[in-house]
N, C-alpha and C. Protein backbone atom coordinates (compact mmCIF):
# COMPACT_ATOMS: atom_id res chain seq x y z
N UNK A 1 29.85 -13.38 -3.28
CA UNK A 1 29.91 -13.36 -1.84
C UNK A 1 29.36 -14.68 -1.32
N UNK A 2 30.03 -15.29 -0.40
CA UNK A 2 29.64 -16.59 0.16
C UNK A 2 28.48 -16.41 1.13
N UNK A 3 27.59 -17.38 1.14
CA UNK A 3 26.46 -17.39 2.08
C UNK A 3 27.01 -17.51 3.50
N UNK A 4 26.41 -16.78 4.42
CA UNK A 4 26.78 -16.91 5.83
C UNK A 4 26.12 -18.15 6.41
N UNK A 5 26.81 -18.82 7.29
CA UNK A 5 26.21 -20.01 7.92
C UNK A 5 25.18 -19.57 8.95
N UNK A 6 24.30 -20.48 9.30
CA UNK A 6 23.28 -20.16 10.30
C UNK A 6 23.94 -19.79 11.63
N UNK A 7 25.06 -20.45 11.93
CA UNK A 7 25.79 -20.15 13.17
C UNK A 7 26.26 -18.70 13.17
N UNK A 8 26.80 -18.24 12.05
CA UNK A 8 27.27 -16.85 11.93
C UNK A 8 26.09 -15.87 12.01
N UNK A 9 24.99 -16.23 11.37
CA UNK A 9 23.81 -15.37 11.39
C UNK A 9 23.26 -15.24 12.81
N UNK A 10 23.19 -16.36 13.54
CA UNK A 10 22.68 -16.32 14.91
C UNK A 10 23.63 -15.55 15.83
N UNK A 11 24.92 -15.65 15.58
CA UNK A 11 25.91 -14.90 16.37
C UNK A 11 25.70 -13.39 16.16
N UNK A 12 25.50 -12.98 14.92
CA UNK A 12 25.24 -11.57 14.61
C UNK A 12 23.91 -11.12 15.22
N UNK A 13 22.93 -11.99 15.15
CA UNK A 13 21.62 -11.68 15.74
C UNK A 13 21.74 -11.51 17.25
N UNK A 14 22.53 -12.36 17.90
CA UNK A 14 22.71 -12.26 19.35
C UNK A 14 23.35 -10.94 19.74
N UNK A 15 24.29 -10.44 18.94
CA UNK A 15 24.90 -9.14 19.19
C UNK A 15 23.83 -8.03 19.13
N UNK A 16 22.97 -8.12 18.13
CA UNK A 16 21.90 -7.13 17.99
C UNK A 16 20.93 -7.22 19.17
N UNK A 17 20.63 -8.44 19.61
CA UNK A 17 19.74 -8.64 20.75
C UNK A 17 20.35 -8.05 22.02
N UNK A 18 21.64 -8.27 22.20
CA UNK A 18 22.32 -7.71 23.38
C UNK A 18 22.25 -6.19 23.38
N UNK A 19 22.47 -5.58 22.22
CA UNK A 19 22.40 -4.13 22.08
C UNK A 19 20.97 -3.64 22.38
N UNK A 20 19.99 -4.34 21.84
CA UNK A 20 18.59 -4.02 22.07
C UNK A 20 18.26 -4.11 23.56
N UNK A 21 18.69 -5.20 24.21
CA UNK A 21 18.38 -5.44 25.62
C UNK A 21 18.95 -4.37 26.53
N UNK A 22 20.12 -3.84 26.18
CA UNK A 22 20.73 -2.77 26.99
C UNK A 22 19.87 -1.51 26.93
N UNK A 23 19.31 -1.21 25.76
CA UNK A 23 18.48 -0.01 25.58
C UNK A 23 17.07 -0.20 26.11
N UNK A 24 16.59 -1.44 26.15
CA UNK A 24 15.19 -1.72 26.47
C UNK A 24 15.09 -2.67 27.67
N UNK A 25 15.46 -2.14 28.82
CA UNK A 25 15.45 -2.93 30.04
C UNK A 25 14.05 -3.48 30.31
N UNK A 26 13.98 -4.73 30.65
CA UNK A 26 12.70 -5.37 30.95
C UNK A 26 12.10 -6.10 29.77
N UNK A 27 12.60 -5.84 28.57
CA UNK A 27 12.08 -6.54 27.39
C UNK A 27 12.60 -7.97 27.41
N UNK A 28 11.79 -8.87 26.94
CA UNK A 28 12.17 -10.28 26.91
C UNK A 28 12.37 -10.69 25.46
N UNK A 29 13.61 -10.84 25.07
CA UNK A 29 13.92 -11.23 23.70
C UNK A 29 15.14 -12.13 23.71
N UNK A 30 15.16 -13.08 22.82
CA UNK A 30 16.29 -13.98 22.74
C UNK A 30 16.13 -14.91 21.56
N UNK A 31 17.10 -15.78 21.38
CA UNK A 31 17.04 -16.75 20.30
C UNK A 31 16.41 -18.02 20.85
N UNK A 32 15.40 -18.50 20.18
CA UNK A 32 14.65 -19.66 20.66
C UNK A 32 13.45 -19.15 21.44
N UNK A 33 12.27 -19.55 21.03
CA UNK A 33 11.06 -19.07 21.68
C UNK A 33 10.65 -20.00 22.81
N UNK A 34 10.25 -19.40 23.91
CA UNK A 34 9.77 -20.15 25.06
C UNK A 34 8.27 -20.40 24.88
N UNK A 35 7.83 -21.58 25.23
CA UNK A 35 6.42 -21.92 25.13
C UNK A 35 5.67 -21.27 26.29
N UNK A 36 4.64 -20.53 25.98
CA UNK A 36 3.86 -19.86 27.02
C UNK A 36 2.68 -20.70 27.48
N UNK A 37 2.68 -21.96 27.14
CA UNK A 37 1.59 -22.84 27.53
C UNK A 37 0.65 -23.10 26.37
N UNK A 38 -0.29 -23.97 26.61
CA UNK A 38 -1.24 -24.34 25.57
C UNK A 38 -2.19 -23.17 25.29
N UNK A 39 -2.33 -22.85 24.04
CA UNK A 39 -3.22 -21.78 23.62
C UNK A 39 -4.45 -22.41 23.00
N UNK A 40 -5.61 -22.06 23.53
CA UNK A 40 -6.86 -22.59 22.99
C UNK A 40 -7.18 -21.87 21.69
N UNK A 41 -7.47 -22.64 20.67
CA UNK A 41 -7.84 -22.07 19.38
C UNK A 41 -9.34 -22.18 19.20
N UNK A 42 -9.95 -21.15 18.65
CA UNK A 42 -11.38 -21.17 18.34
C UNK A 42 -11.54 -21.13 16.82
N UNK A 43 -12.44 -21.91 16.33
CA UNK A 43 -12.70 -21.96 14.89
C UNK A 43 -13.56 -20.77 14.48
N UNK A 44 -13.36 -20.30 13.27
CA UNK A 44 -14.09 -19.14 12.78
C UNK A 44 -15.40 -19.51 12.12
N UNK A 45 -15.53 -20.77 11.71
CA UNK A 45 -16.72 -21.18 10.97
C UNK A 45 -16.53 -21.04 9.47
N UNK A 46 -15.41 -20.51 9.04
CA UNK A 46 -15.08 -20.40 7.63
C UNK A 46 -14.07 -21.51 7.33
N UNK A 47 -14.54 -22.56 6.68
CA UNK A 47 -13.77 -23.79 6.53
C UNK A 47 -12.36 -23.56 5.99
N UNK A 48 -12.25 -22.84 4.88
CA UNK A 48 -10.92 -22.67 4.27
C UNK A 48 -9.97 -21.92 5.19
N UNK A 49 -10.47 -20.94 5.91
CA UNK A 49 -9.63 -20.18 6.83
C UNK A 49 -9.24 -21.04 8.04
N UNK A 50 -10.18 -21.78 8.57
CA UNK A 50 -9.88 -22.65 9.71
C UNK A 50 -8.88 -23.73 9.32
N UNK A 51 -9.01 -24.22 8.10
CA UNK A 51 -8.07 -25.24 7.63
C UNK A 51 -6.66 -24.65 7.50
N UNK A 52 -6.58 -23.42 7.05
CA UNK A 52 -5.30 -22.74 6.88
C UNK A 52 -4.67 -22.36 8.22
N UNK A 53 -5.46 -21.78 9.14
CA UNK A 53 -4.92 -21.23 10.38
C UNK A 53 -5.07 -22.13 11.59
N UNK A 54 -5.91 -23.14 11.51
CA UNK A 54 -6.25 -24.01 12.64
C UNK A 54 -7.08 -23.29 13.69
N UNK A 55 -7.47 -22.05 13.43
CA UNK A 55 -8.29 -21.29 14.37
C UNK A 55 -7.56 -20.06 14.87
N UNK A 56 -8.26 -19.31 15.72
CA UNK A 56 -7.71 -18.09 16.29
C UNK A 56 -7.43 -18.30 17.77
N UNK A 57 -6.37 -17.71 18.30
CA UNK A 57 -6.07 -17.89 19.72
C UNK A 57 -7.10 -17.19 20.60
N UNK A 58 -7.72 -17.95 21.48
CA UNK A 58 -8.74 -17.39 22.37
C UNK A 58 -8.06 -16.55 23.44
N UNK A 59 -8.64 -15.38 23.70
CA UNK A 59 -8.11 -14.51 24.74
C UNK A 59 -6.95 -13.66 24.30
N UNK A 60 -6.69 -13.62 23.01
CA UNK A 60 -5.58 -12.82 22.49
C UNK A 60 -6.09 -11.87 21.43
N UNK A 61 -5.31 -10.84 21.19
CA UNK A 61 -5.64 -9.84 20.18
C UNK A 61 -5.29 -10.39 18.80
N UNK A 62 -6.27 -10.36 17.90
CA UNK A 62 -6.03 -10.75 16.51
C UNK A 62 -6.54 -9.62 15.63
N UNK A 63 -5.72 -9.20 14.69
CA UNK A 63 -6.09 -8.09 13.79
C UNK A 63 -6.30 -8.65 12.39
N UNK A 64 -7.47 -8.39 11.82
CA UNK A 64 -7.77 -8.79 10.45
C UNK A 64 -7.82 -7.51 9.63
N UNK A 65 -7.07 -7.45 8.56
CA UNK A 65 -7.09 -6.24 7.74
C UNK A 65 -7.17 -6.60 6.27
N UNK A 66 -7.55 -5.63 5.49
CA UNK A 66 -7.65 -5.81 4.05
C UNK A 66 -8.39 -4.64 3.45
N UNK A 67 -8.41 -4.58 2.14
CA UNK A 67 -9.08 -3.46 1.48
C UNK A 67 -10.59 -3.50 1.71
N UNK A 68 -11.21 -2.38 1.48
CA UNK A 68 -12.66 -2.25 1.64
C UNK A 68 -13.39 -3.22 0.69
N UNK A 69 -14.45 -3.82 1.20
CA UNK A 69 -15.30 -4.65 0.36
C UNK A 69 -14.87 -6.09 0.17
N UNK A 70 -13.88 -6.57 0.94
CA UNK A 70 -13.42 -7.95 0.75
C UNK A 70 -14.10 -8.95 1.68
N UNK A 71 -14.92 -8.45 2.60
CA UNK A 71 -15.67 -9.37 3.46
C UNK A 71 -15.22 -9.45 4.90
N UNK A 72 -14.46 -8.48 5.38
CA UNK A 72 -14.00 -8.51 6.77
C UNK A 72 -15.17 -8.45 7.74
N UNK A 73 -16.15 -7.59 7.48
CA UNK A 73 -17.30 -7.47 8.37
C UNK A 73 -18.15 -8.74 8.34
N UNK A 74 -18.34 -9.30 7.17
CA UNK A 74 -19.09 -10.55 7.06
C UNK A 74 -18.35 -11.67 7.77
N UNK A 75 -17.04 -11.72 7.62
CA UNK A 75 -16.24 -12.71 8.34
C UNK A 75 -16.42 -12.54 9.84
N UNK A 76 -16.39 -11.29 10.32
CA UNK A 76 -16.56 -11.04 11.75
C UNK A 76 -17.91 -11.56 12.24
N UNK A 77 -18.95 -11.36 11.45
CA UNK A 77 -20.28 -11.86 11.81
C UNK A 77 -20.29 -13.39 11.84
N UNK A 78 -19.65 -14.01 10.88
CA UNK A 78 -19.56 -15.48 10.85
C UNK A 78 -18.81 -16.01 12.07
N UNK A 79 -17.74 -15.31 12.43
CA UNK A 79 -16.97 -15.70 13.62
C UNK A 79 -17.85 -15.60 14.86
N UNK A 80 -18.57 -14.50 14.99
CA UNK A 80 -19.47 -14.32 16.14
C UNK A 80 -20.51 -15.44 16.18
N UNK A 81 -21.10 -15.75 15.03
CA UNK A 81 -22.11 -16.81 14.97
C UNK A 81 -21.52 -18.15 15.39
N UNK A 82 -20.32 -18.44 14.93
CA UNK A 82 -19.66 -19.71 15.29
C UNK A 82 -19.42 -19.78 16.79
N UNK A 83 -18.94 -18.69 17.36
CA UNK A 83 -18.68 -18.68 18.80
C UNK A 83 -19.97 -18.76 19.60
N UNK A 84 -21.01 -18.07 19.14
CA UNK A 84 -22.30 -18.15 19.82
C UNK A 84 -22.86 -19.57 19.79
N UNK A 85 -22.58 -20.30 18.71
CA UNK A 85 -23.07 -21.68 18.62
C UNK A 85 -22.42 -22.57 19.67
N UNK A 86 -21.33 -22.10 20.26
CA UNK A 86 -20.63 -22.83 21.32
C UNK A 86 -20.92 -22.21 22.69
N UNK A 87 -22.02 -21.45 22.77
CA UNK A 87 -22.44 -20.78 24.00
C UNK A 87 -21.42 -19.78 24.53
N UNK A 88 -20.71 -19.12 23.62
CA UNK A 88 -19.78 -18.07 24.01
C UNK A 88 -20.44 -16.72 23.77
N UNK A 89 -20.09 -15.75 24.59
CA UNK A 89 -20.67 -14.41 24.52
C UNK A 89 -19.73 -13.50 23.73
N UNK A 90 -20.31 -12.73 22.81
CA UNK A 90 -19.52 -11.85 21.94
C UNK A 90 -20.00 -10.41 22.03
N UNK A 91 -19.07 -9.50 21.80
CA UNK A 91 -19.38 -8.07 21.73
C UNK A 91 -18.93 -7.57 20.36
N UNK A 92 -19.73 -6.68 19.80
CA UNK A 92 -19.40 -6.09 18.50
C UNK A 92 -19.39 -4.57 18.64
N UNK A 93 -18.22 -3.98 18.43
CA UNK A 93 -18.09 -2.53 18.40
C UNK A 93 -18.15 -2.14 16.92
N UNK A 94 -19.32 -1.70 16.49
CA UNK A 94 -19.51 -1.35 15.08
C UNK A 94 -19.23 0.13 14.91
N UNK A 95 -18.21 0.44 14.15
CA UNK A 95 -17.78 1.82 14.01
C UNK A 95 -18.01 2.39 12.62
N UNK A 96 -18.58 1.60 11.75
CA UNK A 96 -18.83 2.08 10.39
C UNK A 96 -20.27 2.52 10.20
N UNK A 97 -21.09 2.29 11.21
CA UNK A 97 -22.50 2.68 11.16
C UNK A 97 -23.23 2.06 9.97
N UNK A 98 -22.82 0.83 9.61
CA UNK A 98 -23.49 0.11 8.52
C UNK A 98 -24.00 -1.24 9.01
N UNK A 99 -24.10 -1.41 10.33
CA UNK A 99 -24.56 -2.67 10.89
C UNK A 99 -26.04 -2.88 10.59
N UNK A 100 -26.39 -4.12 10.29
CA UNK A 100 -27.78 -4.48 10.02
C UNK A 100 -28.10 -5.76 10.79
N UNK A 101 -29.14 -5.71 11.64
CA UNK A 101 -29.58 -6.92 12.35
C UNK A 101 -29.96 -8.00 11.35
N UNK A 102 -30.60 -7.61 10.28
CA UNK A 102 -31.02 -8.58 9.26
C UNK A 102 -29.81 -9.31 8.66
N UNK A 103 -28.76 -8.56 8.32
CA UNK A 103 -27.56 -9.16 7.75
C UNK A 103 -26.85 -10.03 8.79
N UNK A 104 -26.80 -9.55 10.02
CA UNK A 104 -26.18 -10.34 11.09
C UNK A 104 -26.92 -11.67 11.27
N UNK A 105 -28.24 -11.62 11.30
CA UNK A 105 -29.03 -12.85 11.45
C UNK A 105 -28.83 -13.77 10.25
N UNK A 106 -28.75 -13.19 9.06
CA UNK A 106 -28.51 -13.98 7.84
C UNK A 106 -27.19 -14.74 7.96
N UNK A 107 -26.22 -14.16 8.66
CA UNK A 107 -24.92 -14.79 8.86
C UNK A 107 -24.86 -15.65 10.12
N UNK A 108 -26.02 -15.87 10.74
CA UNK A 108 -26.11 -16.80 11.86
C UNK A 108 -25.95 -16.20 13.24
N UNK A 109 -25.88 -14.89 13.35
CA UNK A 109 -25.69 -14.24 14.65
C UNK A 109 -27.01 -14.20 15.41
N UNK A 110 -26.95 -14.58 16.68
CA UNK A 110 -28.09 -14.42 17.58
C UNK A 110 -28.00 -13.00 18.12
N UNK A 111 -28.71 -12.09 17.50
CA UNK A 111 -28.58 -10.67 17.84
C UNK A 111 -29.13 -10.36 19.23
N UNK A 112 -30.00 -11.22 19.77
CA UNK A 112 -30.53 -11.01 21.11
C UNK A 112 -29.44 -11.20 22.17
N UNK A 113 -28.42 -11.98 21.85
CA UNK A 113 -27.34 -12.26 22.80
C UNK A 113 -26.03 -11.56 22.42
N UNK A 114 -26.11 -10.59 21.56
CA UNK A 114 -24.92 -9.87 21.10
C UNK A 114 -24.79 -8.55 21.84
N UNK A 115 -23.66 -8.34 22.48
CA UNK A 115 -23.37 -7.06 23.11
C UNK A 115 -22.85 -6.15 22.01
N UNK A 116 -23.38 -4.96 21.88
CA UNK A 116 -22.90 -4.14 20.79
C UNK A 116 -23.29 -2.69 20.90
N UNK A 117 -22.65 -1.91 20.05
CA UNK A 117 -22.95 -0.50 20.02
C UNK A 117 -22.13 0.22 18.96
N UNK A 118 -22.47 1.49 18.78
CA UNK A 118 -21.72 2.38 17.90
C UNK A 118 -21.01 3.39 18.78
N UNK A 119 -19.85 3.83 18.36
CA UNK A 119 -19.04 4.69 19.20
C UNK A 119 -18.65 5.96 18.47
N UNK A 120 -18.57 7.03 19.22
CA UNK A 120 -18.22 8.32 18.63
C UNK A 120 -16.73 8.46 18.41
N UNK A 121 -15.92 7.77 19.24
CA UNK A 121 -14.48 7.95 19.13
C UNK A 121 -13.75 6.69 19.59
N UNK A 122 -12.47 6.67 19.33
CA UNK A 122 -11.62 5.54 19.66
C UNK A 122 -11.64 5.23 21.15
N UNK A 123 -11.62 6.26 21.99
CA UNK A 123 -11.58 6.06 23.43
C UNK A 123 -12.83 5.34 23.93
N UNK A 124 -14.01 5.66 23.40
CA UNK A 124 -15.23 4.96 23.81
C UNK A 124 -15.14 3.48 23.46
N UNK A 125 -14.65 3.19 22.28
CA UNK A 125 -14.50 1.81 21.85
C UNK A 125 -13.52 1.06 22.76
N UNK A 126 -12.40 1.71 23.09
CA UNK A 126 -11.41 1.10 23.97
C UNK A 126 -11.98 0.89 25.36
N UNK A 127 -12.80 1.83 25.82
CA UNK A 127 -13.43 1.68 27.14
C UNK A 127 -14.33 0.45 27.18
N UNK A 128 -15.06 0.19 26.09
CA UNK A 128 -15.89 -1.03 26.03
C UNK A 128 -15.00 -2.27 26.10
N UNK A 129 -13.91 -2.25 25.34
CA UNK A 129 -13.01 -3.40 25.34
C UNK A 129 -12.45 -3.67 26.74
N UNK A 130 -12.07 -2.61 27.43
CA UNK A 130 -11.54 -2.77 28.78
C UNK A 130 -12.63 -3.30 29.72
N UNK A 131 -13.82 -2.71 29.64
CA UNK A 131 -14.92 -3.16 30.49
C UNK A 131 -15.22 -4.65 30.27
N UNK A 132 -15.22 -5.08 29.02
CA UNK A 132 -15.49 -6.49 28.71
C UNK A 132 -14.34 -7.38 29.17
N UNK A 133 -13.11 -6.91 28.99
CA UNK A 133 -11.94 -7.69 29.41
C UNK A 133 -11.91 -7.83 30.93
N UNK A 134 -12.36 -6.81 31.64
CA UNK A 134 -12.35 -6.86 33.11
C UNK A 134 -13.41 -7.79 33.68
N UNK A 135 -14.31 -8.28 32.85
CA UNK A 135 -15.33 -9.21 33.35
C UNK A 135 -14.75 -10.58 33.61
N UNK A 136 -13.50 -10.78 33.26
CA UNK A 136 -12.79 -12.05 33.49
C UNK A 136 -13.55 -13.24 32.93
N UNK A 137 -13.92 -13.14 31.67
CA UNK A 137 -14.51 -14.29 31.00
C UNK A 137 -15.99 -14.19 30.70
N UNK A 138 -16.66 -13.13 31.14
CA UNK A 138 -18.09 -13.01 30.82
C UNK A 138 -18.28 -12.74 29.33
N UNK A 139 -17.30 -12.10 28.72
CA UNK A 139 -17.33 -11.85 27.28
C UNK A 139 -16.16 -12.60 26.66
N UNK A 140 -16.47 -13.49 25.72
CA UNK A 140 -15.45 -14.37 25.15
C UNK A 140 -14.76 -13.80 23.92
N UNK A 141 -15.41 -12.88 23.23
CA UNK A 141 -14.85 -12.33 21.99
C UNK A 141 -15.32 -10.90 21.82
N UNK A 142 -14.38 -10.02 21.52
CA UNK A 142 -14.71 -8.63 21.23
C UNK A 142 -14.27 -8.34 19.80
N UNK A 143 -15.21 -7.94 18.96
CA UNK A 143 -14.91 -7.62 17.57
C UNK A 143 -15.03 -6.11 17.40
N UNK A 144 -13.99 -5.50 16.85
CA UNK A 144 -14.01 -4.07 16.53
C UNK A 144 -14.06 -3.95 15.02
N UNK A 145 -15.15 -3.42 14.51
CA UNK A 145 -15.36 -3.31 13.07
C UNK A 145 -15.71 -1.86 12.74
N UNK A 146 -14.90 -1.17 12.26
CA UNK A 146 -13.56 -1.24 11.75
C UNK A 146 -12.73 -0.21 12.47
N UNK A 147 -11.52 -0.55 12.80
CA UNK A 147 -10.67 0.36 13.58
C UNK A 147 -10.34 1.64 12.82
N UNK A 148 -10.22 1.56 11.51
CA UNK A 148 -9.88 2.77 10.74
C UNK A 148 -11.03 3.76 10.69
N UNK A 149 -12.23 3.32 11.08
CA UNK A 149 -13.37 4.24 11.09
C UNK A 149 -13.38 5.11 12.35
N UNK A 150 -12.47 4.83 13.27
CA UNK A 150 -12.43 5.57 14.53
C UNK A 150 -11.41 6.69 14.49
N UNK A 151 -11.77 7.79 15.14
CA UNK A 151 -10.84 8.89 15.36
C UNK A 151 -10.73 9.09 16.86
N UNK A 152 -9.58 9.54 17.31
CA UNK A 152 -9.42 9.83 18.73
C UNK A 152 -10.16 11.12 19.05
N UNK A 153 -10.42 11.34 20.33
CA UNK A 153 -11.09 12.59 20.73
C UNK A 153 -10.27 13.80 20.31
N UNK A 154 -8.95 13.67 20.41
CA UNK A 154 -8.08 14.77 19.99
C UNK A 154 -8.23 15.10 18.52
N UNK A 155 -8.30 14.05 17.69
CA UNK A 155 -8.48 14.27 16.25
C UNK A 155 -9.83 14.90 15.97
N UNK A 156 -10.86 14.45 16.66
CA UNK A 156 -12.18 15.02 16.44
C UNK A 156 -12.23 16.47 16.90
N UNK A 157 -11.56 16.76 18.01
CA UNK A 157 -11.53 18.11 18.55
C UNK A 157 -10.77 19.05 17.62
N UNK A 158 -9.63 18.59 17.14
CA UNK A 158 -8.81 19.41 16.26
C UNK A 158 -9.37 19.47 14.84
N UNK A 159 -10.13 18.44 14.48
CA UNK A 159 -10.67 18.29 13.12
C UNK A 159 -9.58 18.36 12.07
N UNK A 160 -8.39 17.87 12.45
CA UNK A 160 -7.33 17.75 11.46
C UNK A 160 -6.81 16.34 11.55
N UNK A 161 -5.69 15.96 11.79
CA UNK A 161 -5.13 14.63 11.89
C UNK A 161 -5.86 13.55 11.12
N UNK A 162 -5.17 12.84 10.32
CA UNK A 162 -5.76 11.75 9.56
C UNK A 162 -5.73 10.49 10.38
N UNK A 163 -6.79 9.70 10.23
CA UNK A 163 -6.84 8.42 10.93
C UNK A 163 -5.78 7.50 10.37
N UNK A 164 -5.11 6.84 11.26
CA UNK A 164 -4.08 5.91 10.85
C UNK A 164 -4.39 4.54 11.43
N UNK A 165 -4.45 3.54 10.57
CA UNK A 165 -4.68 2.17 11.04
C UNK A 165 -3.60 1.79 12.04
N UNK A 166 -2.35 2.14 11.76
CA UNK A 166 -1.26 1.80 12.66
C UNK A 166 -1.44 2.45 14.02
N UNK A 167 -1.79 3.75 14.04
CA UNK A 167 -1.98 4.45 15.31
C UNK A 167 -3.12 3.83 16.10
N UNK A 168 -4.24 3.56 15.45
CA UNK A 168 -5.39 2.98 16.14
C UNK A 168 -5.09 1.56 16.60
N UNK A 169 -4.40 0.78 15.79
CA UNK A 169 -4.05 -0.58 16.17
C UNK A 169 -3.13 -0.58 17.38
N UNK A 170 -2.15 0.32 17.39
CA UNK A 170 -1.24 0.40 18.54
C UNK A 170 -2.01 0.78 19.79
N UNK A 171 -2.95 1.69 19.68
CA UNK A 171 -3.76 2.09 20.84
C UNK A 171 -4.57 0.92 21.35
N UNK A 172 -5.18 0.16 20.45
CA UNK A 172 -5.94 -1.03 20.87
C UNK A 172 -5.05 -2.04 21.56
N UNK A 173 -3.87 -2.28 21.01
CA UNK A 173 -2.95 -3.25 21.62
C UNK A 173 -2.51 -2.79 22.99
N UNK A 174 -2.26 -1.47 23.17
CA UNK A 174 -1.85 -0.95 24.46
C UNK A 174 -2.99 -1.12 25.47
N UNK A 175 -4.22 -0.79 25.07
CA UNK A 175 -5.36 -0.94 25.97
C UNK A 175 -5.60 -2.42 26.27
N UNK A 176 -5.46 -3.28 25.26
CA UNK A 176 -5.67 -4.71 25.47
C UNK A 176 -4.66 -5.26 26.46
N UNK A 177 -3.42 -4.83 26.36
CA UNK A 177 -2.37 -5.31 27.25
C UNK A 177 -2.62 -4.82 28.67
N UNK A 178 -3.16 -3.60 28.80
CA UNK A 178 -3.41 -3.04 30.13
C UNK A 178 -4.59 -3.72 30.82
N UNK A 179 -5.51 -4.26 30.04
CA UNK A 179 -6.73 -4.83 30.62
C UNK A 179 -6.52 -6.20 31.21
């Protein structure tokens, strides 16, 4: 079978986009991405990661995932410390109940200037995120550690439903977009 040319592939893609657009009125999709303006990147303080990614987009949702024990929480603390060193304010929603001020300080976090707490359910965590987002810049970074540790009020009430990273991530993205 002969390879399709890029022109043929884009033509087929445009047909799919047209079909999608008819079903999803108001969605913005097309071939060729529009520049939404300059995005400020913030460095994480982890040299190899910053070299690879050039930083994280400030003011946008970024999801870090991986298996247990690979250093996501430590990375989050390093990121907070790096941002605090630039006089930025950070919030930490710790949902694993394993937070340690000593460990945070060891990783460079100024715990006296850290907004934080533990939450009983996903909705409480989302409410903090919304409250911080509504401050219009008073809080520069919100870290949720770890989203899979959260259950919705409905799940807790029913005591059934399994926590899903995808479900919790979608809820966070919806709340983030609304804020």
